[in-house]
N, C-alpha and C. Protein backbone atom coordinates (compact mmCIF):
# COMPACT_ATOMS: atom_id res chain seq x y z
N MET A 1 23.77 -24.15 -16.86
CA MET A 1 24.24 -23.93 -17.43
C MET A 1 24.42 -22.54 -18.50
N PHE A 2 24.53 -21.59 -18.95
CA PHE A 2 24.00 -20.74 -19.50
C PHE A 2 24.83 -20.83 -21.33
N ASN A 3 24.51 -20.47 -21.91
CA ASN A 3 25.42 -20.03 -23.17
C ASN A 3 25.52 -19.04 -23.46
N ILE A 4 25.88 -18.20 -23.23
CA ILE A 4 25.98 -17.07 -24.13
C ILE A 4 26.05 -16.25 -25.37
N PHE A 5 26.38 -17.38 -26.31
CA PHE A 5 26.79 -17.42 -27.65
C PHE A 5 25.75 -17.12 -28.47
N SER A 6 25.01 -16.99 -29.06
CA SER A 6 23.66 -16.80 -30.22
C SER A 6 23.86 -18.03 -31.04
N ASP A 7 22.85 -18.19 -31.12
CA ASP A 7 22.62 -18.86 -32.68
C ASP A 7 23.59 -19.15 -33.72
N GLU A 8 23.91 -18.25 -34.01
CA GLU A 8 24.39 -17.69 -35.21
C GLU A 8 25.77 -18.28 -35.08
N TYR A 9 26.57 -17.21 -34.32
CA TYR A 9 27.33 -17.34 -33.52
C TYR A 9 28.17 -19.24 -33.82
N GLU A 10 27.10 -19.61 -33.27
CA GLU A 10 27.74 -21.42 -32.34
C GLU A 10 27.41 -22.27 -34.17
N LYS A 11 27.27 -21.83 -35.49
CA LYS A 11 27.29 -22.13 -36.47
C LYS A 11 28.01 -21.79 -37.17
N MET A 12 29.17 -20.90 -36.49
CA MET A 12 30.27 -20.51 -37.70
C MET A 12 30.99 -21.22 -37.38
N SER A 13 32.17 -21.11 -38.22
CA SER A 13 33.58 -21.78 -38.80
C SER A 13 34.39 -21.30 -37.11
N ASP A 14 35.54 -21.77 -36.64
CA ASP A 14 36.34 -20.85 -36.08
C ASP A 14 37.36 -19.98 -36.72
N GLU A 15 37.44 -19.88 -37.82
CA GLU A 15 38.07 -18.64 -38.60
C GLU A 15 37.17 -17.55 -38.52
N GLU A 16 35.29 -18.30 -38.58
CA GLU A 16 34.51 -16.61 -39.16
C GLU A 16 34.52 -16.34 -37.38
N LYS A 17 34.90 -17.04 -35.98
CA LYS A 17 34.66 -17.23 -35.08
C LYS A 17 36.64 -16.27 -34.55
N MET A 18 37.16 -16.11 -35.10
CA MET A 18 38.80 -15.29 -34.46
C MET A 18 37.92 -13.78 -35.75
N GLU A 19 36.93 -13.89 -36.26
CA GLU A 19 37.05 -12.34 -37.15
C GLU A 19 36.33 -11.74 -36.12
N HIS A 20 35.43 -12.62 -35.16
CA HIS A 20 34.13 -11.47 -34.60
C HIS A 20 34.78 -11.65 -33.33
N SER A 21 36.23 -12.28 -32.78
CA SER A 21 36.91 -11.72 -31.06
C SER A 21 36.69 -10.60 -31.13
N GLN A 22 37.40 -9.06 -31.99
CA GLN A 22 37.30 -7.80 -31.81
C GLN A 22 35.54 -7.61 -31.44
N ASP A 23 34.29 -8.03 -32.15
CA ASP A 23 33.46 -7.60 -31.05
C ASP A 23 33.00 -8.02 -30.34
N TYR A 24 33.78 -10.00 -29.65
CA TYR A 24 33.45 -10.78 -28.64
C TYR A 24 33.88 -8.83 -27.32
N MET A 25 35.04 -8.79 -28.20
CA MET A 25 35.73 -7.93 -26.73
C MET A 25 34.47 -6.85 -26.75
N GLU A 26 34.51 -5.94 -27.48
CA GLU A 26 33.65 -5.19 -27.11
C GLU A 26 32.66 -5.02 -26.68
N GLN A 27 31.76 -6.54 -26.92
CA GLN A 27 30.22 -6.17 -26.03
C GLN A 27 31.05 -6.47 -24.62
N TYR A 28 31.96 -7.49 -24.51
CA TYR A 28 32.44 -7.51 -22.94
C TYR A 28 32.63 -6.39 -22.26
N LYS A 29 33.41 -5.02 -23.29
CA LYS A 29 33.48 -3.90 -22.52
C LYS A 29 32.28 -3.23 -21.73
N LEU A 30 31.83 -3.54 -23.25
CA LEU A 30 30.18 -2.98 -22.74
C LEU A 30 29.30 -3.20 -21.82
N PHE A 31 29.09 -4.55 -21.30
CA PHE A 31 28.62 -4.90 -20.50
C PHE A 31 29.19 -4.82 -18.72
N GLN A 32 30.67 -4.83 -19.36
CA GLN A 32 30.95 -4.71 -17.50
C GLN A 32 30.94 -2.68 -17.35
N LYS A 33 31.06 -2.19 -18.20
CA LYS A 33 30.38 -0.93 -18.43
C LYS A 33 29.05 -0.55 -17.78
N SER A 34 28.17 -1.72 -18.18
CA SER A 34 26.59 -1.10 -18.13
C SER A 34 26.51 -1.91 -16.66
N SER A 35 27.62 -3.30 -15.71
CA SER A 35 27.42 -3.23 -14.26
C SER A 35 27.98 -2.01 -13.68
N GLU A 36 29.38 -1.14 -14.49
CA GLU A 36 29.73 -0.52 -13.03
C GLU A 36 28.52 0.92 -13.52
N ASP A 37 27.64 0.89 -14.62
CA ASP A 37 26.74 1.22 -14.03
C ASP A 37 25.52 1.46 -13.32
N LEU A 38 24.89 0.11 -13.19
CA LEU A 38 23.82 -0.52 -12.43
C LEU A 38 24.90 -0.05 -11.06
N VAL A 39 25.91 -0.43 -10.51
CA VAL A 39 26.17 0.33 -9.12
C VAL A 39 26.38 2.29 -9.26
N ALA A 40 26.60 2.76 -10.37
CA ALA A 40 25.69 4.06 -10.04
C ALA A 40 24.85 4.70 -10.09
N ARG A 41 24.19 4.19 -10.49
CA ARG A 41 22.48 3.86 -10.36
C ARG A 41 22.42 4.02 -9.29
N ARG A 42 22.57 2.81 -8.96
CA ARG A 42 21.94 2.17 -6.94
C ARG A 42 22.47 2.83 -6.44
N GLN A 43 23.84 3.82 -6.67
CA GLN A 43 24.59 4.21 -5.05
C GLN A 43 23.30 5.92 -5.27
N SER A 44 22.77 6.21 -6.30
CA SER A 44 22.25 7.40 -6.62
C SER A 44 20.58 7.24 -6.27
N VAL A 45 20.17 6.22 -6.38
CA VAL A 45 18.87 5.46 -5.32
C VAL A 45 18.88 5.48 -4.65
N ASN A 46 20.28 4.89 -3.43
CA ASN A 46 20.16 4.96 -2.40
C ASN A 46 20.21 6.58 -1.68
N SER A 47 20.89 7.25 -2.18
CA SER A 47 21.66 8.42 -1.77
C SER A 47 19.86 9.33 -2.00
N PHE A 48 19.56 8.75 -3.26
CA PHE A 48 17.72 9.77 -2.44
C PHE A 48 17.14 9.19 -1.55
N TYR A 49 16.83 7.70 -1.50
CA TYR A 49 16.40 7.74 -0.33
C TYR A 49 16.50 7.64 0.67
N ILE A 50 17.55 7.43 1.06
CA ILE A 50 18.33 8.28 2.23
C ILE A 50 18.05 9.37 2.69
N SER A 51 18.39 10.35 2.01
CA SER A 51 17.62 11.73 2.16
C SER A 51 16.34 12.00 2.41
N VAL A 52 15.85 11.30 1.33
CA VAL A 52 14.14 11.49 2.02
C VAL A 52 14.32 11.31 3.08
N ASN A 53 14.20 9.74 3.53
CA ASN A 53 14.15 9.34 4.95
C ASN A 53 15.30 10.87 6.27
N SER A 54 15.82 11.27 5.68
CA SER A 54 16.66 12.13 6.99
C SER A 54 15.41 13.56 6.97
N ALA A 55 15.01 13.48 5.71
CA ALA A 55 13.70 14.53 5.73
C ALA A 55 12.85 14.59 6.07
N ILE A 56 12.41 13.10 6.24
CA ILE A 56 11.06 13.09 7.36
C ILE A 56 11.68 13.05 8.42
N VAL A 57 12.23 12.31 9.04
CA VAL A 57 12.98 12.40 10.13
C VAL A 57 12.65 13.84 11.00
N ALA A 58 13.73 14.73 10.35
CA ALA A 58 14.06 15.84 10.78
C ALA A 58 12.96 16.58 11.17
N LEU A 59 11.60 17.03 10.01
CA LEU A 59 10.19 17.07 9.71
C LEU A 59 9.89 16.52 10.85
N THR A 60 9.86 15.50 11.13
CA THR A 60 9.17 14.90 12.58
C THR A 60 9.89 15.43 13.59
N GLY A 61 10.88 15.70 13.65
CA GLY A 61 11.21 16.35 14.91
C GLY A 61 10.56 17.78 15.08
N ILE A 62 10.19 18.70 13.52
CA ILE A 62 10.65 20.23 13.88
C ILE A 62 8.75 19.88 14.34
N VAL A 63 7.93 19.31 13.46
CA VAL A 63 6.57 19.27 14.08
C VAL A 63 6.38 18.75 15.51
N ILE A 64 6.91 17.96 15.94
CA ILE A 64 6.55 17.86 17.35
C ILE A 64 7.24 19.02 18.33
N GLY A 65 7.78 20.01 18.07
CA GLY A 65 8.21 21.31 18.11
C GLY A 65 6.80 22.53 18.28
N ILE A 66 6.17 22.23 16.95
CA ILE A 66 5.73 23.32 16.78
C ILE A 66 3.90 23.13 16.46
N ILE A 67 3.73 22.07 16.23
CA ILE A 67 2.70 22.02 16.11
C ILE A 67 1.74 21.19 17.65
N ASP A 68 0.40 22.34 17.29
CA ASP A 68 -0.32 22.08 19.11
C ASP A 68 -0.79 20.51 18.76
N MET A 69 -1.47 20.15 19.90
CA MET A 69 -1.93 18.47 20.15
C MET A 69 -3.51 19.13 19.98
N PRO A 70 -4.67 18.05 18.85
CA PRO A 70 -4.52 16.78 18.13
C PRO A 70 -3.64 16.50 17.16
N ALA A 71 -3.33 17.79 16.62
CA ALA A 71 -3.18 17.90 14.66
C ALA A 71 -2.30 17.15 14.99
N LYS A 72 -0.79 17.74 16.15
CA LYS A 72 0.64 16.97 16.03
C LYS A 72 0.86 15.23 15.86
N LEU A 73 -0.01 14.97 16.48
CA LEU A 73 -0.57 13.35 16.43
C LEU A 73 -0.74 13.05 14.97
N ILE A 74 -1.70 13.23 14.13
CA ILE A 74 -2.07 13.03 13.07
C ILE A 74 -0.63 13.29 11.92
N VAL A 75 -0.70 14.02 12.07
CA VAL A 75 0.72 14.59 10.60
C VAL A 75 2.11 14.10 11.41
N ILE A 76 2.63 14.03 12.52
CA ILE A 76 3.44 12.87 13.64
C ILE A 76 3.14 11.51 12.63
N PHE A 77 1.81 10.81 12.71
CA PHE A 77 1.84 9.74 12.25
C PHE A 77 1.54 9.27 10.75
N PHE A 78 1.35 10.69 10.12
CA PHE A 78 0.76 10.08 8.56
C PHE A 78 2.41 10.69 7.99
N MET A 79 3.42 11.15 8.84
CA MET A 79 4.70 11.07 8.46
C MET A 79 5.32 10.06 8.59
N CYS A 80 5.02 9.23 9.94
CA CYS A 80 5.95 8.06 9.70
C CYS A 80 5.78 7.07 9.25
N LEU A 81 4.45 6.96 8.94
CA LEU A 81 3.92 6.18 7.72
C LEU A 81 4.34 5.78 6.42
N SER A 82 4.09 7.63 6.18
CA SER A 82 5.37 7.70 4.78
C SER A 82 6.55 7.44 4.84
N GLY A 83 7.06 7.06 5.48
CA GLY A 83 8.45 6.96 6.52
C GLY A 83 8.40 5.29 5.45
N ALA A 84 7.95 4.91 6.23
CA ALA A 84 8.04 3.18 6.45
C ALA A 84 7.28 2.77 4.59
N VAL A 85 6.13 3.19 4.35
CA VAL A 85 5.88 2.68 2.92
C VAL A 85 7.20 2.69 1.91
N LEU A 86 7.88 4.67 2.24
CA LEU A 86 8.97 4.77 1.31
C LEU A 86 10.33 3.67 1.61
N ASP A 87 10.63 3.45 2.47
CA ASP A 87 11.81 2.40 2.91
C ASP A 87 10.50 0.81 2.56
N ILE A 88 9.99 0.65 2.45
CA ILE A 88 9.61 -0.96 1.93
C ILE A 88 9.24 -0.50 0.28
N SER A 89 9.65 0.59 -0.58
CA SER A 89 9.47 0.60 -1.59
C SER A 89 11.65 0.32 -1.77
N TRP A 90 11.77 1.27 -1.42
CA TRP A 90 13.65 0.84 -1.22
C TRP A 90 14.19 0.00 -0.81
N LEU A 91 13.18 -0.46 0.23
CA LEU A 91 13.75 -2.78 -0.40
C LEU A 91 13.57 -2.95 -1.23
N HIS A 92 12.44 -3.07 -2.22
CA HIS A 92 12.25 -3.87 -3.41
C HIS A 92 13.08 -3.06 -4.69
N ALA A 93 13.41 -2.17 -4.69
CA ALA A 93 14.55 -1.49 -4.90
C ALA A 93 15.83 -2.19 -4.70
N LEU A 94 16.43 -2.20 -3.68
CA LEU A 94 17.52 -3.45 -2.89
C LEU A 94 17.43 -4.29 -3.33
N ASP A 95 16.49 -4.86 -3.46
CA ASP A 95 16.28 -6.68 -3.75
C ASP A 95 16.62 -6.42 -5.62
N ALA A 96 15.18 -5.72 -6.40
CA ALA A 96 15.90 -5.93 -7.54
C ALA A 96 17.67 -5.04 -7.93
N TYR A 97 18.45 -4.32 -7.41
CA TYR A 97 19.11 -4.30 -8.05
C TYR A 97 20.81 -5.64 -7.35
N GLY A 98 20.33 -6.09 -5.96
CA GLY A 98 21.15 -7.24 -6.25
C GLY A 98 20.72 -7.72 -7.04
N THR A 99 19.61 -8.22 -7.70
CA THR A 99 19.64 -9.71 -8.53
C THR A 99 20.32 -9.47 -9.70
N LEU A 100 19.76 -7.75 -10.08
CA LEU A 100 20.12 -7.54 -11.32
C LEU A 100 21.62 -7.74 -11.71
N ASN A 101 22.17 -7.03 -10.15
CA ASN A 101 24.02 -6.83 -10.23
C ASN A 101 24.29 -8.68 -10.33
N ALA A 102 23.60 -9.25 -9.35
CA ALA A 102 24.36 -11.02 -8.98
C ALA A 102 24.00 -11.58 -10.44
N ALA A 103 23.31 -11.42 -11.05
CA ALA A 103 23.25 -11.03 -12.66
C ALA A 103 23.89 -11.09 -14.10
N LYS A 104 24.89 -10.03 -13.14
CA LYS A 104 25.15 -9.25 -14.28
C LYS A 104 27.09 -10.28 -14.25
N MET A 105 27.28 -10.25 -12.96
CA MET A 105 28.25 -10.86 -12.65
C MET A 105 28.86 -12.05 -12.85
N LYS A 106 27.22 -12.89 -13.12
CA LYS A 106 27.35 -14.72 -13.79
C LYS A 106 27.62 -14.62 -14.96
N VAL A 107 27.42 -13.19 -16.32
CA VAL A 107 27.22 -13.35 -17.56
C VAL A 107 28.47 -12.90 -17.75
N ILE A 108 29.14 -12.25 -16.29
CA ILE A 108 30.58 -11.63 -17.12
C ILE A 108 31.48 -13.09 -16.87
N SER A 109 31.62 -13.34 -15.76
CA SER A 109 31.59 -14.90 -14.72
C SER A 109 32.30 -15.64 -16.74
N LEU A 110 30.48 -15.99 -17.05
CA LEU A 110 30.01 -16.91 -18.13
C LEU A 110 31.41 -16.38 -19.19
N ILE A 111 31.22 -15.39 -19.43
CA ILE A 111 31.96 -14.90 -21.11
C ILE A 111 33.38 -14.70 -20.48
N GLU A 112 34.22 -14.49 -19.51
CA GLU A 112 35.29 -14.14 -18.86
C GLU A 112 36.18 -15.89 -18.62
N GLN A 113 35.49 -17.04 -19.30
CA GLN A 113 35.61 -18.41 -19.46
C GLN A 113 36.19 -18.77 -20.72
N ASN A 114 35.45 -17.22 -22.00
CA ASN A 114 36.08 -17.90 -23.19
C ASN A 114 37.29 -16.73 -23.27
N LEU A 115 38.19 -16.22 -22.36
CA LEU A 115 38.95 -15.48 -22.60
C LEU A 115 40.32 -15.57 -21.77
N PRO A 116 41.22 -15.15 -22.06
CA PRO A 116 42.61 -15.38 -21.50
C PRO A 116 42.92 -15.43 -19.19
N VAL A 117 42.05 -14.37 -19.57
CA VAL A 117 42.15 -14.41 -17.78
C VAL A 117 40.27 -14.40 -17.71
N SER A 118 40.63 -14.68 -16.53
CA SER A 118 39.10 -14.53 -14.91
C SER A 118 39.24 -13.53 -14.11
N LEU A 119 39.13 -12.41 -14.25
CA LEU A 119 39.42 -11.71 -13.62
C LEU A 119 38.49 -11.61 -12.33
N TYR A 120 37.41 -11.98 -12.65
CA TYR A 120 35.59 -11.98 -11.53
C TYR A 120 36.07 -12.53 -10.88
N ASP A 121 35.81 -14.07 -11.20
CA ASP A 121 36.14 -15.38 -10.29
C ASP A 121 37.47 -15.10 -9.63
N VAL A 122 38.18 -14.69 -10.61
CA VAL A 122 39.54 -14.51 -9.46
C VAL A 122 39.37 -13.59 -8.18
N GLU A 123 39.46 -12.48 -8.63
CA GLU A 123 38.66 -11.98 -7.52
C GLU A 123 37.81 -11.88 -6.04
N TRP A 124 36.89 -13.07 -6.81
CA TRP A 124 35.83 -13.31 -5.42
C TRP A 124 36.76 -14.61 -4.80
N LYS A 125 37.91 -15.33 -5.22
CA LYS A 125 38.69 -16.52 -4.69
C LYS A 125 39.97 -15.82 -4.00
N VAL A 126 39.76 -14.83 -4.48
CA VAL A 126 41.23 -13.66 -4.02
C VAL A 126 40.73 -13.50 -2.84
N MET A 127 39.23 -13.06 -1.94
CA MET A 127 38.62 -12.28 -1.48
C MET A 127 38.28 -13.45 -0.34
N GLY A 128 37.93 -14.59 -0.77
CA GLY A 128 37.48 -15.62 -0.19
C GLY A 128 38.74 -15.74 0.94
N ASP A 129 39.88 -16.03 0.46
CA ASP A 129 41.51 -16.32 0.57
C ASP A 129 41.19 -15.40 2.44
N LYS A 130 41.25 -13.86 1.64
CA LYS A 130 41.30 -12.93 2.06
C LYS A 130 40.44 -12.73 3.84
N LEU A 131 39.31 -13.22 3.13
CA LEU A 131 38.55 -13.18 4.48
C LEU A 131 38.37 -14.32 5.20
N ASN A 132 39.32 -14.82 5.00
CA ASN A 132 39.48 -16.33 5.73
C ASN A 132 37.63 -16.88 6.09
N ASN A 133 38.53 -17.28 8.00
CA ASN A 133 36.90 -17.75 8.50
C ASN A 133 35.99 -16.65 8.83
N LYS A 134 35.76 -15.05 7.66
CA LYS A 134 35.17 -14.18 7.90
C LYS A 134 34.14 -14.25 7.08
N LYS A 135 32.79 -13.96 7.24
CA LYS A 135 31.46 -13.83 6.16
C LYS A 135 31.68 -12.64 5.18
N TYR A 136 31.85 -13.12 4.58
CA TYR A 136 31.11 -11.17 2.91
C TYR A 136 29.61 -11.14 3.62
N VAL A 137 30.03 -10.58 3.62
CA VAL A 137 28.99 -9.14 4.29
C VAL A 137 28.18 -8.37 2.46
N SER A 138 27.25 -8.61 2.09
CA SER A 138 27.03 -8.43 0.61
C SER A 138 26.56 -6.81 0.39
N PHE A 139 27.18 -5.67 -0.51
CA PHE A 139 26.57 -4.67 -0.31
C PHE A 139 24.84 -4.38 0.23
N THR A 140 24.39 -5.65 -0.25
CA THR A 140 22.48 -5.32 -0.16
C THR A 140 22.48 -5.36 1.05
N THR A 141 22.82 -6.96 1.54
CA THR A 141 22.60 -6.79 3.33
C THR A 141 23.23 -5.26 3.94
N ASN A 142 24.23 -4.75 2.85
CA ASN A 142 24.66 -3.29 4.13
C ASN A 142 23.47 -2.58 4.21
N GLU A 143 23.16 -2.37 2.96
CA GLU A 143 22.17 -1.11 2.10
C GLU A 143 21.02 -1.52 3.19
N LYS A 144 20.12 -2.20 3.40
CA LYS A 144 19.07 -2.84 3.79
C LYS A 144 19.56 -2.52 5.35
N ARG A 145 20.88 -2.47 5.83
CA ARG A 145 20.29 -1.49 7.13
C ARG A 145 20.63 -0.84 7.76
N ILE A 146 20.12 0.26 6.43
CA ILE A 146 20.06 1.51 6.84
C ILE A 146 19.09 2.07 6.85
N LEU A 147 18.11 0.88 5.86
CA LEU A 147 17.26 0.87 5.41
C LEU A 147 16.17 0.81 6.88
N LYS A 148 16.99 -0.84 7.54
CA LYS A 148 15.76 -0.76 8.66
C LYS A 148 16.06 -0.09 10.03
N ILE A 149 17.45 0.76 10.25
CA ILE A 149 17.33 2.03 11.25
C ILE A 149 16.32 3.56 10.86
N PHE A 150 16.60 3.47 9.66
CA PHE A 150 15.03 4.22 9.84
C PHE A 150 13.60 3.89 10.01
N LEU A 151 13.45 2.67 9.48
CA LEU A 151 12.38 1.85 9.76
C LEU A 151 11.82 1.53 11.38
N LEU A 152 13.28 1.60 12.12
CA LEU A 152 13.17 1.48 13.72
C LEU A 152 13.24 2.62 14.45
N ILE A 153 13.10 3.91 13.67
CA ILE A 153 13.37 5.75 14.30
C ILE A 153 11.57 5.66 13.79
N TYR A 154 10.97 5.62 12.63
CA TYR A 154 9.54 5.12 12.59
C TYR A 154 8.87 4.61 13.32
N LEU A 155 8.90 3.55 13.64
CA LEU A 155 8.43 2.42 14.43
C LEU A 155 8.63 3.03 15.56
N PHE A 156 9.95 3.58 16.58
CA PHE A 156 9.52 4.14 18.04
C PHE A 156 9.04 5.69 18.08
N ILE A 157 9.02 5.86 16.71
CA ILE A 157 7.96 6.75 17.05
C ILE A 157 6.72 7.10 16.81
N LEU A 158 6.12 6.24 16.25
CA LEU A 158 4.31 5.42 16.21
C LEU A 158 4.12 4.77 18.12
N LEU A 159 5.44 4.47 18.20
CA LEU A 159 4.83 3.66 19.42
C LEU A 159 5.20 4.29 21.04
N THR A 160 5.93 5.49 20.68
CA THR A 160 6.19 6.44 21.38
C THR A 160 4.62 7.38 21.36
N LEU A 161 4.18 7.71 20.23
CA LEU A 161 2.55 8.50 19.34
C LEU A 161 1.59 7.34 20.50
N CYS A 162 1.48 6.62 19.73
CA CYS A 162 0.26 5.57 20.52
C CYS A 162 0.39 5.97 21.97
N ILE A 163 1.95 5.76 22.92
CA ILE A 163 1.97 5.73 24.96
C ILE A 163 1.58 7.11 25.12
N TYR A 164 1.78 8.49 23.81
CA TYR A 164 1.65 8.94 24.70
C TYR A 164 0.31 9.67 24.15
N MET A 165 -0.49 9.13 22.56
CA MET A 165 -2.01 9.47 22.98
C MET A 165 -3.00 8.63 23.69
N LEU A 166 -2.80 7.66 24.34
CA LEU A 166 -3.22 6.52 25.50
C LEU A 166 -3.08 7.21 26.53
N ILE A 167 -2.05 8.47 27.30
CA ILE A 167 -1.69 8.74 28.71
C ILE A 167 -2.52 10.16 28.45
N TYR A 168 -2.50 10.71 27.34
CA TYR A 168 -2.84 11.77 26.55
C TYR A 168 -4.92 12.12 27.12
N VAL A 169 -5.08 10.64 25.99
CA VAL A 169 -6.87 10.21 26.49
C VAL A 169 -7.42 9.88 27.94
N CYS A 170 -6.08 9.29 28.56
CA CYS A 170 -6.49 8.58 29.72
C CYS A 170 -6.66 10.59 30.81
N GLN A 171 -5.77 11.51 30.82
CA GLN A 171 -5.56 12.77 31.34
C GLN A 171 -6.96 13.69 30.40
N GLY A 172 -7.62 13.05 29.75
CA GLY A 172 -8.61 13.63 29.84
C GLY A 172 -8.66 14.77 28.63
N GLY A 173 -7.76 14.27 27.52
CA GLY A 173 -7.59 14.68 25.85
C GLY A 173 -8.57 14.50 25.15
N PHE A 174 -8.63 15.36 24.51
CA PHE A 174 -9.84 15.41 23.19
C PHE A 174 -11.64 15.13 23.69
N THR A 175 -11.23 15.73 24.62
CA THR A 175 -12.69 15.91 25.13
C THR A 175 -13.53 16.86 24.92
């Protein structure tokens, strides 16, 4: 178990600790706000990645229609490769945000053990009761589903590209 109190605080008398109770609440509020800010930043990052992925998919479609062979194949290959690399970066960001958010929730829970009510812990218990036999799916898991859809699109396009290139070469292309 982690101790949320500083060594100085631990050495204080009960009376001194009471004098700092307002500071304790202010720190709790600030930490809770930082948790909310993290969620907002995470949403902003997700919006960025979704927008860039959507642009790559749209541009790939445009390229398919306007660029001639064999340049078309090279451009599409690099666009899909760029999208896949982008999605790997997104995956790492989601993992980092998920870990940081879980740590923040744990610290909030530890702080609430010293408060009259434990809202976050009770919220999880209520969710558990409400969900009954349904498995809870985290936001991180749901966000990763979107990422995987984009990865599948890129892999499908790359596979189609490989098949098309094979047919193109077999029919005498690139000669």
